[in-house]
């Protein structure tokens, strides 16, 4: 069984190109039958349909997954993808090739995949940089100070506002509570560049 990767995407750029891309995706997901027969749970929203509609070969662009939550709002296009193993970076680059005015921002993660990535260095659309997973919920934070304060309140001990300190505090608590049903998990988003995004 593959490990899922989840990605939130935002495109900005010229209105006519945003509306064109939105129209293609909306028409694809509203078809009675998918553009290309496939075995996905929501076959109309299979990423290979979009790759094909954009004029590329779905065998050559990684598209093992689906999109959802398509929205055109406040001059931006948003959608969410769930794929196997890793995010569909090649698809984002294909969209940008077809629509040159568009710029994309993303936040991608996968617990089993164990990678947390974004290209939004300034936090324009995706500002979260840290995740603290402790009972009763998973929380996202923009700063290390916020993340450390949250975990500090949970474990009842002060934590210096550094990533290494946050990791050490989580590991220490887990070691001291081996029978817990909810071990603490902490993650840090890595900011990557366009050139660091792999296509396959």
N, C-alpha and C. Protein backbone atom coordinates (compact mmCIF):
# COMPACT_ATOMS: atom_id res chain seq x y z
N UNK A 1 0.84 -1.20 0.00
CA UNK A 1 0.00 0.00 0.00
C UNK A 1 0.88 1.24 0.00
N UNK A 2 0.57 2.22 -0.82
CA UNK A 2 1.38 3.43 -0.93
C UNK A 2 1.12 4.38 0.23
N UNK A 3 2.10 5.24 0.49
CA UNK A 3 1.95 6.27 1.51
C UNK A 3 1.40 7.54 0.86
N UNK A 4 0.33 8.11 1.43
CA UNK A 4 -0.28 9.28 0.79
C UNK A 4 0.49 10.57 1.05
N UNK A 5 0.47 11.44 0.07
CA UNK A 5 1.00 12.79 0.20
C UNK A 5 -0.14 13.77 -0.05
N UNK A 6 -0.26 14.76 0.81
CA UNK A 6 -1.34 15.74 0.73
C UNK A 6 -0.76 17.10 0.40
N UNK A 7 -1.40 17.81 -0.51
CA UNK A 7 -0.87 19.11 -0.91
C UNK A 7 -1.99 20.12 -1.12
N UNK A 8 -1.83 21.29 -0.52
CA UNK A 8 -2.71 22.43 -0.77
C UNK A 8 -1.99 23.35 -1.74
N UNK A 9 -2.72 23.83 -2.75
CA UNK A 9 -2.12 24.62 -3.83
C UNK A 9 -2.87 25.93 -4.02
N UNK A 10 -2.14 26.99 -4.30
CA UNK A 10 -2.74 28.27 -4.67
C UNK A 10 -2.02 28.79 -5.91
N UNK A 11 -2.80 29.14 -6.93
CA UNK A 11 -2.26 29.78 -8.13
C UNK A 11 -2.70 31.23 -8.17
N UNK A 12 -1.78 32.11 -8.54
CA UNK A 12 -2.12 33.51 -8.78
C UNK A 12 -1.58 33.91 -10.14
N UNK A 13 -2.19 34.94 -10.73
CA UNK A 13 -1.74 35.39 -12.04
C UNK A 13 -2.86 36.11 -12.78
N UNK A 14 -2.75 36.13 -14.10
CA UNK A 14 -3.75 36.85 -14.90
C UNK A 14 -5.11 36.17 -14.79
N UNK A 15 -6.12 37.00 -14.68
CA UNK A 15 -7.47 36.49 -14.44
C UNK A 15 -7.95 35.55 -15.54
N UNK A 16 -7.63 35.88 -16.79
CA UNK A 16 -8.11 35.05 -17.89
C UNK A 16 -7.51 33.66 -17.83
N UNK A 17 -6.24 33.54 -17.43
CA UNK A 17 -5.61 32.23 -17.34
C UNK A 17 -6.12 31.46 -16.13
N UNK A 18 -6.35 32.14 -15.03
CA UNK A 18 -6.92 31.48 -13.85
C UNK A 18 -8.31 30.92 -14.17
N UNK A 19 -9.10 31.72 -14.86
CA UNK A 19 -10.46 31.27 -15.19
C UNK A 19 -10.43 30.12 -16.19
N UNK A 20 -9.48 30.14 -17.10
CA UNK A 20 -9.35 29.05 -18.07
C UNK A 20 -9.00 27.74 -17.37
N UNK A 21 -8.02 27.79 -16.47
CA UNK A 21 -7.64 26.58 -15.73
C UNK A 21 -8.78 26.10 -14.85
N UNK A 22 -9.42 27.03 -14.17
CA UNK A 22 -10.56 26.67 -13.32
C UNK A 22 -11.66 26.00 -14.15
N UNK A 23 -11.93 26.57 -15.32
CA UNK A 23 -12.97 26.01 -16.18
C UNK A 23 -12.65 24.59 -16.62
N UNK A 24 -11.41 24.35 -16.99
CA UNK A 24 -11.01 23.01 -17.39
C UNK A 24 -11.23 22.01 -16.26
N UNK A 25 -10.76 22.37 -15.06
CA UNK A 25 -10.86 21.46 -13.92
C UNK A 25 -12.32 21.25 -13.51
N UNK A 26 -13.10 22.30 -13.54
CA UNK A 26 -14.50 22.19 -13.15
C UNK A 26 -15.28 21.32 -14.12
N UNK A 27 -15.04 21.52 -15.41
CA UNK A 27 -15.74 20.70 -16.40
C UNK A 27 -15.32 19.23 -16.30
N UNK A 28 -14.05 18.99 -16.03
CA UNK A 28 -13.59 17.61 -15.88
C UNK A 28 -14.27 16.92 -14.71
N UNK A 29 -14.37 17.61 -13.57
CA UNK A 29 -14.93 16.97 -12.39
C UNK A 29 -16.45 16.85 -12.44
N UNK A 30 -17.08 17.56 -13.36
CA UNK A 30 -18.54 17.48 -13.49
C UNK A 30 -19.00 16.55 -14.61
N UNK A 31 -18.06 15.93 -15.31
CA UNK A 31 -18.43 14.99 -16.36
C UNK A 31 -19.14 13.77 -15.77
N UNK A 32 -20.05 13.21 -16.53
CA UNK A 32 -20.71 11.98 -16.09
C UNK A 32 -19.73 10.81 -16.12
N UNK A 33 -18.87 10.80 -17.13
CA UNK A 33 -17.83 9.79 -17.22
C UNK A 33 -16.48 10.50 -17.28
N UNK A 34 -15.45 9.91 -16.70
CA UNK A 34 -14.14 10.56 -16.73
C UNK A 34 -13.60 10.68 -18.15
N UNK A 35 -12.76 11.67 -18.35
CA UNK A 35 -12.14 11.85 -19.66
C UNK A 35 -11.38 10.60 -20.07
N UNK A 36 -10.68 10.00 -19.12
CA UNK A 36 -9.95 8.75 -19.34
C UNK A 36 -10.38 7.76 -18.26
N UNK A 37 -10.74 6.57 -18.66
CA UNK A 37 -11.13 5.56 -17.68
C UNK A 37 -9.96 5.26 -16.74
N UNK A 38 -10.26 5.19 -15.44
CA UNK A 38 -9.22 4.93 -14.45
C UNK A 38 -9.85 4.28 -13.23
N UNK A 39 -9.04 3.80 -12.33
CA UNK A 39 -9.55 3.08 -11.18
C UNK A 39 -9.59 3.87 -9.90
N UNK A 40 -9.51 5.19 -9.97
CA UNK A 40 -9.52 5.99 -8.75
C UNK A 40 -10.92 6.14 -8.20
N UNK A 41 -10.98 6.47 -6.89
CA UNK A 41 -12.27 6.53 -6.19
C UNK A 41 -13.17 7.60 -6.79
N UNK A 42 -12.58 8.74 -7.17
CA UNK A 42 -13.31 9.81 -7.86
C UNK A 42 -12.69 9.95 -9.25
N UNK A 43 -13.08 9.10 -10.18
CA UNK A 43 -12.39 9.03 -11.48
C UNK A 43 -12.42 10.33 -12.28
N UNK A 44 -13.46 11.16 -12.10
CA UNK A 44 -13.50 12.42 -12.84
C UNK A 44 -12.41 13.39 -12.37
N UNK A 45 -11.98 13.22 -11.10
CA UNK A 45 -10.98 14.14 -10.54
C UNK A 45 -9.57 13.54 -10.53
N UNK A 46 -9.39 12.47 -11.27
CA UNK A 46 -8.04 11.90 -11.39
C UNK A 46 -7.13 12.93 -12.07
N UNK A 47 -5.94 13.10 -11.54
CA UNK A 47 -5.01 14.10 -12.08
C UNK A 47 -4.62 13.82 -13.52
N UNK A 48 -4.65 12.56 -13.92
CA UNK A 48 -4.33 12.23 -15.31
C UNK A 48 -5.28 12.85 -16.30
N UNK A 49 -6.54 13.05 -15.89
CA UNK A 49 -7.50 13.74 -16.77
C UNK A 49 -7.04 15.16 -17.04
N UNK A 50 -6.56 15.84 -15.99
CA UNK A 50 -6.11 17.21 -16.16
C UNK A 50 -4.84 17.28 -17.00
N UNK A 51 -3.92 16.36 -16.75
CA UNK A 51 -2.69 16.31 -17.56
C UNK A 51 -3.05 16.19 -19.04
N UNK A 52 -4.00 15.31 -19.34
CA UNK A 52 -4.42 15.10 -20.73
C UNK A 52 -5.08 16.34 -21.30
N UNK A 53 -5.97 16.96 -20.53
CA UNK A 53 -6.66 18.16 -20.98
C UNK A 53 -5.69 19.30 -21.23
N UNK A 54 -4.57 19.30 -20.53
CA UNK A 54 -3.56 20.33 -20.73
C UNK A 54 -2.63 20.02 -21.91
N UNK A 55 -2.88 18.89 -22.57
CA UNK A 55 -2.13 18.57 -23.78
C UNK A 55 -0.90 17.73 -23.58
N UNK A 56 -0.73 17.14 -22.38
CA UNK A 56 0.45 16.32 -22.12
C UNK A 56 0.05 14.85 -22.01
N UNK A 57 1.05 13.99 -21.91
CA UNK A 57 0.86 12.55 -21.81
C UNK A 57 0.85 12.16 -20.34
N UNK A 58 -0.24 11.56 -19.87
CA UNK A 58 -0.33 11.24 -18.45
C UNK A 58 0.64 10.14 -18.05
N UNK A 59 1.20 9.43 -19.01
CA UNK A 59 2.23 8.44 -18.71
C UNK A 59 3.57 9.11 -18.37
N UNK A 60 3.72 10.36 -18.77
CA UNK A 60 5.00 11.06 -18.61
C UNK A 60 4.99 12.10 -17.50
N UNK A 61 3.83 12.43 -16.97
CA UNK A 61 3.71 13.41 -15.87
C UNK A 61 3.10 12.69 -14.67
N UNK A 62 3.77 12.77 -13.53
CA UNK A 62 3.29 12.03 -12.35
C UNK A 62 1.89 12.53 -11.96
N UNK A 63 0.94 11.61 -11.93
CA UNK A 63 -0.45 12.00 -11.68
C UNK A 63 -1.21 10.91 -10.93
N UNK A 64 -0.53 10.22 -10.03
CA UNK A 64 -1.14 9.11 -9.31
C UNK A 64 -1.94 9.63 -8.11
N UNK A 65 -3.09 10.24 -8.40
CA UNK A 65 -3.92 10.78 -7.34
C UNK A 65 -5.07 11.60 -7.89
N UNK A 66 -5.70 12.36 -7.01
CA UNK A 66 -6.89 13.14 -7.34
C UNK A 66 -6.78 14.55 -6.79
N UNK A 67 -7.61 15.44 -7.35
CA UNK A 67 -7.74 16.78 -6.76
C UNK A 67 -9.12 16.90 -6.13
N UNK A 68 -9.26 17.88 -5.25
CA UNK A 68 -10.54 18.19 -4.62
C UNK A 68 -10.52 19.64 -4.16
N UNK A 69 -11.64 20.09 -3.62
CA UNK A 69 -11.77 21.44 -3.02
C UNK A 69 -11.36 22.55 -3.99
N UNK A 70 -11.78 22.42 -5.24
CA UNK A 70 -11.46 23.41 -6.27
C UNK A 70 -12.24 24.70 -6.01
N UNK A 71 -11.52 25.83 -5.94
CA UNK A 71 -12.16 27.12 -5.68
C UNK A 71 -11.46 28.22 -6.48
N UNK A 72 -12.23 29.15 -7.00
CA UNK A 72 -11.72 30.37 -7.60
C UNK A 72 -12.23 31.50 -6.73
N UNK A 73 -11.31 32.12 -5.98
CA UNK A 73 -11.74 33.05 -4.95
C UNK A 73 -10.74 34.18 -4.80
N UNK A 74 -11.25 35.41 -4.79
CA UNK A 74 -10.43 36.60 -4.54
C UNK A 74 -9.20 36.67 -5.46
N UNK A 75 -9.43 36.31 -6.73
CA UNK A 75 -8.35 36.43 -7.71
C UNK A 75 -7.32 35.31 -7.66
N UNK A 76 -7.61 34.23 -6.92
CA UNK A 76 -6.69 33.11 -6.83
C UNK A 76 -7.44 31.80 -7.06
N UNK A 77 -6.71 30.80 -7.53
CA UNK A 77 -7.27 29.47 -7.73
C UNK A 77 -6.67 28.53 -6.69
N UNK A 78 -7.55 27.82 -5.98
CA UNK A 78 -7.11 26.90 -4.94
C UNK A 78 -7.60 25.49 -5.24
N UNK A 79 -6.78 24.50 -4.91
CA UNK A 79 -7.25 23.12 -4.89
C UNK A 79 -6.33 22.29 -4.00
N UNK A 80 -6.76 21.08 -3.74
CA UNK A 80 -6.07 20.17 -2.83
C UNK A 80 -5.81 18.87 -3.59
N UNK A 81 -4.66 18.25 -3.38
CA UNK A 81 -4.39 16.97 -4.02
C UNK A 81 -4.03 15.92 -2.98
N UNK A 82 -4.43 14.71 -3.26
CA UNK A 82 -3.98 13.54 -2.50
C UNK A 82 -3.39 12.55 -3.49
N UNK A 83 -2.11 12.25 -3.32
CA UNK A 83 -1.41 11.39 -4.26
C UNK A 83 -0.62 10.31 -3.52
N UNK A 84 -0.15 9.35 -4.27
CA UNK A 84 0.66 8.28 -3.70
C UNK A 84 2.13 8.68 -3.70
N UNK A 85 2.77 8.45 -2.58
CA UNK A 85 4.20 8.59 -2.39
C UNK A 85 4.71 10.02 -2.31
N UNK A 86 4.38 10.87 -3.25
CA UNK A 86 4.89 12.24 -3.18
C UNK A 86 3.97 13.17 -3.96
N UNK A 87 4.09 14.49 -3.76
CA UNK A 87 3.20 15.44 -4.43
C UNK A 87 3.43 15.47 -5.94
N UNK A 88 2.43 15.92 -6.70
CA UNK A 88 2.53 15.97 -8.16
C UNK A 88 3.18 17.27 -8.65
N UNK A 89 4.45 17.43 -8.32
CA UNK A 89 5.15 18.66 -8.70
C UNK A 89 5.20 18.83 -10.22
N UNK A 90 5.32 17.72 -10.94
CA UNK A 90 5.37 17.81 -12.39
C UNK A 90 4.11 18.41 -12.97
N UNK A 91 2.97 18.13 -12.34
CA UNK A 91 1.70 18.71 -12.79
C UNK A 91 1.70 20.22 -12.59
N UNK A 92 2.20 20.68 -11.45
CA UNK A 92 2.25 22.12 -11.21
C UNK A 92 3.12 22.82 -12.26
N UNK A 93 4.23 22.20 -12.59
CA UNK A 93 5.11 22.79 -13.60
C UNK A 93 4.46 22.77 -14.98
N UNK A 94 3.68 21.71 -15.25
CA UNK A 94 2.96 21.65 -16.53
C UNK A 94 1.93 22.77 -16.61
N UNK A 95 1.19 22.99 -15.54
CA UNK A 95 0.20 24.07 -15.54
C UNK A 95 0.88 25.41 -15.80
N UNK A 96 2.01 25.63 -15.17
CA UNK A 96 2.73 26.89 -15.35
C UNK A 96 3.26 27.03 -16.78
N UNK A 97 3.61 25.90 -17.40
CA UNK A 97 4.07 25.94 -18.79
C UNK A 97 2.93 26.31 -19.73
N UNK A 98 1.74 25.77 -19.48
CA UNK A 98 0.57 26.06 -20.31
C UNK A 98 0.06 27.47 -20.06
N UNK A 99 0.16 27.92 -18.81
CA UNK A 99 -0.33 29.26 -18.42
C UNK A 99 0.84 30.06 -17.85
N UNK A 100 1.61 30.70 -18.71
CA UNK A 100 2.87 31.35 -18.28
C UNK A 100 2.72 32.45 -17.24
N UNK A 101 1.55 33.09 -17.16
CA UNK A 101 1.40 34.17 -16.19
C UNK A 101 1.20 33.66 -14.77
N UNK A 102 0.91 32.37 -14.62
CA UNK A 102 0.54 31.85 -13.31
C UNK A 102 1.77 31.48 -12.47
N UNK A 103 1.64 31.77 -11.20
CA UNK A 103 2.64 31.39 -10.20
C UNK A 103 1.94 30.53 -9.17
N UNK A 104 2.59 29.45 -8.74
CA UNK A 104 1.95 28.58 -7.76
C UNK A 104 2.69 28.58 -6.43
N UNK A 105 1.91 28.39 -5.38
CA UNK A 105 2.43 28.21 -4.03
C UNK A 105 1.79 26.93 -3.48
N UNK A 106 2.54 26.20 -2.68
CA UNK A 106 1.99 24.96 -2.14
C UNK A 106 2.49 24.69 -0.73
N UNK A 107 1.75 23.85 -0.05
CA UNK A 107 2.17 23.28 1.23
C UNK A 107 1.85 21.80 1.15
N UNK A 108 2.88 20.96 1.28
CA UNK A 108 2.71 19.51 1.10
C UNK A 108 3.20 18.76 2.32
N UNK A 109 2.51 17.68 2.64
CA UNK A 109 2.91 16.89 3.80
C UNK A 109 2.44 15.46 3.67
N UNK A 110 3.08 14.60 4.43
CA UNK A 110 2.67 13.21 4.51
C UNK A 110 3.34 12.56 5.70
N UNK A 111 2.55 12.05 6.63
CA UNK A 111 3.11 11.49 7.85
C UNK A 111 3.95 10.26 7.55
N UNK A 112 3.37 9.31 6.81
CA UNK A 112 4.13 8.12 6.45
C UNK A 112 5.22 8.46 5.44
N UNK A 113 4.91 9.41 4.58
CA UNK A 113 5.89 9.91 3.61
C UNK A 113 7.01 10.65 4.34
N UNK A 114 6.68 11.23 5.49
CA UNK A 114 7.61 11.90 6.40
C UNK A 114 8.39 13.02 5.72
N UNK A 115 7.68 13.88 5.02
CA UNK A 115 8.27 15.08 4.46
C UNK A 115 7.23 16.19 4.54
N UNK A 116 7.69 17.38 4.87
CA UNK A 116 6.81 18.54 5.02
C UNK A 116 7.47 19.68 4.28
N UNK A 117 6.86 20.09 3.16
CA UNK A 117 7.50 21.00 2.24
C UNK A 117 6.58 22.16 1.85
N UNK A 118 7.19 23.29 1.55
CA UNK A 118 6.47 24.42 0.98
C UNK A 118 7.44 25.23 0.14
N UNK A 119 6.91 25.94 -0.84
CA UNK A 119 7.74 26.88 -1.60
C UNK A 119 7.37 28.31 -1.26
N UNK A 120 6.48 28.48 -0.30
CA UNK A 120 5.98 29.81 0.08
C UNK A 120 6.89 30.40 1.16
N UNK A 121 8.06 30.87 0.72
CA UNK A 121 9.09 31.33 1.66
C UNK A 121 8.62 32.51 2.51
N UNK A 122 7.77 33.36 1.93
CA UNK A 122 7.31 34.54 2.65
C UNK A 122 6.03 34.29 3.45
N UNK A 123 5.46 33.10 3.32
CA UNK A 123 4.23 32.81 4.03
C UNK A 123 3.04 33.58 3.50
N UNK A 124 3.04 33.86 2.21
CA UNK A 124 1.97 34.65 1.61
C UNK A 124 0.63 33.94 1.68
N UNK A 125 0.63 32.64 1.39
CA UNK A 125 -0.61 31.84 1.44
C UNK A 125 -0.53 30.69 2.43
N UNK A 126 0.69 30.18 2.63
CA UNK A 126 0.90 29.05 3.53
C UNK A 126 1.99 29.41 4.52
N UNK A 127 1.56 29.90 5.66
CA UNK A 127 2.51 30.45 6.63
C UNK A 127 2.95 29.46 7.70
N UNK A 128 2.28 28.32 7.82
CA UNK A 128 2.64 27.37 8.87
C UNK A 128 4.03 26.79 8.62
N UNK A 129 4.80 26.71 9.70
CA UNK A 129 6.16 26.17 9.60
C UNK A 129 6.40 25.01 10.57
N UNK A 130 5.50 24.84 11.54
CA UNK A 130 5.69 23.79 12.54
C UNK A 130 4.37 23.10 12.84
N UNK A 131 4.46 21.80 13.14
CA UNK A 131 3.30 21.01 13.53
C UNK A 131 3.59 20.37 14.88
N UNK A 132 2.64 20.48 15.79
CA UNK A 132 2.73 19.79 17.08
C UNK A 132 1.51 18.87 17.18
N UNK A 133 1.79 17.58 17.26
CA UNK A 133 0.74 16.57 17.33
C UNK A 133 0.72 16.00 18.74
N UNK A 134 -0.20 16.50 19.56
CA UNK A 134 -0.36 15.98 20.92
C UNK A 134 -1.84 16.04 21.28
N UNK A 135 -2.25 15.16 22.15
CA UNK A 135 -3.66 15.04 22.50
C UNK A 135 -4.24 16.38 22.94
N UNK A 136 -5.40 16.80 22.44
CA UNK A 136 -6.35 16.01 21.66
C UNK A 136 -6.35 16.30 20.16
N UNK A 137 -5.36 17.04 19.63
CA UNK A 137 -5.45 17.43 18.23
C UNK A 137 -4.07 17.74 17.66
N UNK A 138 -4.02 17.92 16.35
CA UNK A 138 -2.81 18.36 15.66
C UNK A 138 -2.92 19.86 15.41
N UNK A 139 -1.90 20.61 15.81
CA UNK A 139 -1.93 22.06 15.67
C UNK A 139 -0.80 22.53 14.77
N UNK A 140 -1.09 23.58 13.98
CA UNK A 140 -0.11 24.18 13.07
C UNK A 140 0.27 25.56 13.60
N UNK A 141 1.57 25.89 13.47
CA UNK A 141 2.06 27.16 13.99
C UNK A 141 2.98 27.84 12.98
N UNK A 142 2.91 29.17 12.99
CA UNK A 142 3.75 29.95 12.07
C UNK A 142 5.17 30.12 12.60
N UNK A 143 5.33 30.16 13.92
CA UNK A 143 6.64 30.44 14.50
C UNK A 143 7.04 29.35 15.49
N UNK A 144 8.34 29.24 15.72
CA UNK A 144 8.85 28.27 16.69
C UNK A 144 8.43 28.67 18.09
N UNK A 145 8.30 29.97 18.34
CA UNK A 145 7.85 30.42 19.66
C UNK A 145 6.45 29.90 19.98
N UNK A 146 5.56 29.97 19.01
CA UNK A 146 4.19 29.49 19.22
C UNK A 146 4.16 27.98 19.43
N UNK A 147 4.95 27.27 18.64
CA UNK A 147 4.98 25.81 18.75
C UNK A 147 5.53 25.38 20.11
N UNK A 148 6.61 26.00 20.55
CA UNK A 148 7.21 25.65 21.84
C UNK A 148 6.28 26.00 23.00
N UNK A 149 5.60 27.13 22.90
CA UNK A 149 4.67 27.53 23.97
C UNK A 149 3.53 26.53 24.08
N UNK A 150 3.05 26.05 22.95
CA UNK A 150 1.95 25.08 22.96
C UNK A 150 2.38 23.77 23.61
N UNK A 151 3.53 23.25 23.20
CA UNK A 151 3.99 21.99 23.77
C UNK A 151 4.39 22.16 25.24
N UNK A 152 4.96 23.30 25.57
CA UNK A 152 5.33 23.58 26.95
C UNK A 152 4.11 23.52 27.87
N UNK A 153 3.01 24.11 27.42
CA UNK A 153 1.79 24.08 28.22
C UNK A 153 1.27 22.66 28.38
N UNK A 154 1.49 21.83 27.38
CA UNK A 154 1.00 20.44 27.43
C UNK A 154 1.82 19.58 28.37
N UNK A 155 3.14 19.70 28.32
CA UNK A 155 3.99 18.84 29.14
C UNK A 155 4.31 19.45 30.50
N UNK A 156 4.00 20.74 30.68
CA UNK A 156 4.23 21.39 31.97
C UNK A 156 5.68 21.73 32.24
N UNK A 157 6.47 21.91 31.17
CA UNK A 157 7.88 22.27 31.33
C UNK A 157 8.23 23.36 30.32
N UNK A 158 9.15 24.27 30.69
CA UNK A 158 9.55 25.31 29.72
C UNK A 158 10.37 24.71 28.59
N UNK A 159 10.21 25.27 27.41
CA UNK A 159 10.96 24.83 26.24
C UNK A 159 11.55 26.06 25.56
N UNK A 160 12.86 26.08 25.38
CA UNK A 160 13.49 27.19 24.67
C UNK A 160 12.99 27.22 23.24
N UNK A 161 12.88 28.41 22.68
CA UNK A 161 12.29 28.59 21.35
C UNK A 161 13.27 28.25 20.24
N UNK A 162 13.61 26.96 20.14
CA UNK A 162 14.47 26.46 19.08
C UNK A 162 13.91 25.12 18.60
N UNK A 163 14.11 24.82 17.33
CA UNK A 163 13.60 23.57 16.77
C UNK A 163 14.19 22.36 17.49
N UNK A 164 15.49 22.38 17.76
CA UNK A 164 16.12 21.24 18.44
C UNK A 164 15.54 21.06 19.84
N UNK A 165 15.22 22.16 20.50
CA UNK A 165 14.63 22.06 21.84
C UNK A 165 13.23 21.47 21.77
N UNK A 166 12.48 21.84 20.75
CA UNK A 166 11.13 21.31 20.58
C UNK A 166 11.19 19.80 20.35
N UNK A 167 12.08 19.35 19.47
CA UNK A 167 12.23 17.92 19.20
C UNK A 167 12.65 17.17 20.45
N UNK A 168 13.61 17.73 21.19
CA UNK A 168 14.12 17.05 22.38
C UNK A 168 13.03 16.92 23.45
N UNK A 169 12.21 17.96 23.59
CA UNK A 169 11.13 17.92 24.59
C UNK A 169 10.11 16.84 24.24
N UNK A 170 9.79 16.72 22.95
CA UNK A 170 8.84 15.69 22.52
C UNK A 170 9.42 14.30 22.74
N UNK A 171 10.68 14.11 22.39
CA UNK A 171 11.31 12.81 22.57
C UNK A 171 11.41 12.43 24.03
N UNK A 172 11.75 13.39 24.88
CA UNK A 172 11.86 13.12 26.32
C UNK A 172 10.50 12.72 26.90
N UNK A 173 9.45 13.44 26.53
CA UNK A 173 8.12 13.11 27.05
C UNK A 173 7.69 11.72 26.58
N UNK A 174 7.95 11.41 25.33
CA UNK A 174 7.59 10.08 24.82
C UNK A 174 8.35 8.97 25.55
N UNK A 175 9.63 9.22 25.86
CA UNK A 175 10.41 8.23 26.60
C UNK A 175 9.87 8.03 28.02
N UNK A 176 9.37 9.12 28.61
CA UNK A 176 8.85 9.05 29.97
C UNK A 176 7.42 8.52 30.02
N UNK A 177 6.77 8.44 28.87
CA UNK A 177 5.38 7.97 28.81
C UNK A 177 5.24 6.89 27.73
N UNK A 178 5.91 5.77 27.92
CA UNK A 178 5.94 4.74 26.86
C UNK A 178 4.59 4.06 26.60
N UNK A 179 3.68 4.15 27.55
CA UNK A 179 2.38 3.47 27.41
C UNK A 179 1.28 4.37 26.86
N UNK A 180 1.63 5.59 26.49
CA UNK A 180 0.60 6.52 26.01
C UNK A 180 0.00 6.05 24.69
N UNK A 181 -1.27 6.34 24.52
CA UNK A 181 -1.94 6.03 23.25
C UNK A 181 -1.73 7.13 22.22
N UNK A 182 -1.14 8.26 22.65
CA UNK A 182 -0.96 9.41 21.75
C UNK A 182 0.43 10.02 21.97
N UNK A 183 1.47 9.41 21.42
CA UNK A 183 2.80 9.99 21.55
C UNK A 183 2.88 11.33 20.85
N UNK A 184 3.72 12.18 21.36
CA UNK A 184 3.87 13.51 20.78
C UNK A 184 4.69 13.43 19.49
N UNK A 185 4.23 14.14 18.49
CA UNK A 185 4.97 14.26 17.25
C UNK A 185 5.17 15.72 16.89
N UNK A 186 6.35 16.09 16.44
CA UNK A 186 6.62 17.46 16.00
C UNK A 186 7.25 17.41 14.62
N UNK A 187 6.87 18.34 13.76
CA UNK A 187 7.38 18.40 12.39
C UNK A 187 7.72 19.83 12.03
N UNK A 188 8.67 19.97 11.13
CA UNK A 188 9.06 21.29 10.63
C UNK A 188 8.95 21.30 9.11
N UNK A 189 8.31 22.33 8.55
CA UNK A 189 8.22 22.47 7.11
C UNK A 189 9.55 22.98 6.55
N UNK A 190 9.99 22.34 5.49
CA UNK A 190 11.19 22.78 4.78
C UNK A 190 10.77 23.64 3.60
N UNK A 191 11.39 24.80 3.46
CA UNK A 191 11.11 25.67 2.33
C UNK A 191 12.04 25.29 1.19
N UNK A 192 11.45 24.94 0.04
CA UNK A 192 12.25 24.54 -1.11
C UNK A 192 12.00 25.48 -2.28
N UNK A 193 12.90 25.46 -3.23
CA UNK A 193 12.79 26.31 -4.41
C UNK A 193 12.19 25.52 -5.57
N UNK A 194 11.88 26.23 -6.64
CA UNK A 194 11.32 25.61 -7.83
C UNK A 194 12.27 24.53 -8.36
N UNK A 195 13.57 24.80 -8.33
CA UNK A 195 14.55 23.85 -8.87
C UNK A 195 14.68 22.60 -8.01
N UNK A 196 14.28 22.68 -6.76
CA UNK A 196 14.37 21.53 -5.86
C UNK A 196 13.15 20.63 -5.92
N UNK A 197 12.15 21.03 -6.69
CA UNK A 197 10.94 20.22 -6.85
C UNK A 197 11.20 19.16 -7.92
N UNK A 198 11.07 17.91 -7.56
CA UNK A 198 11.28 16.83 -8.52
C UNK A 198 10.03 16.62 -9.36
N UNK A 199 10.21 16.14 -10.56
CA UNK A 199 9.09 15.96 -11.50
C UNK A 199 8.45 14.59 -11.41
N UNK A 200 9.16 13.60 -10.89
CA UNK A 200 8.62 12.25 -10.84
C UNK A 200 8.78 11.69 -9.44
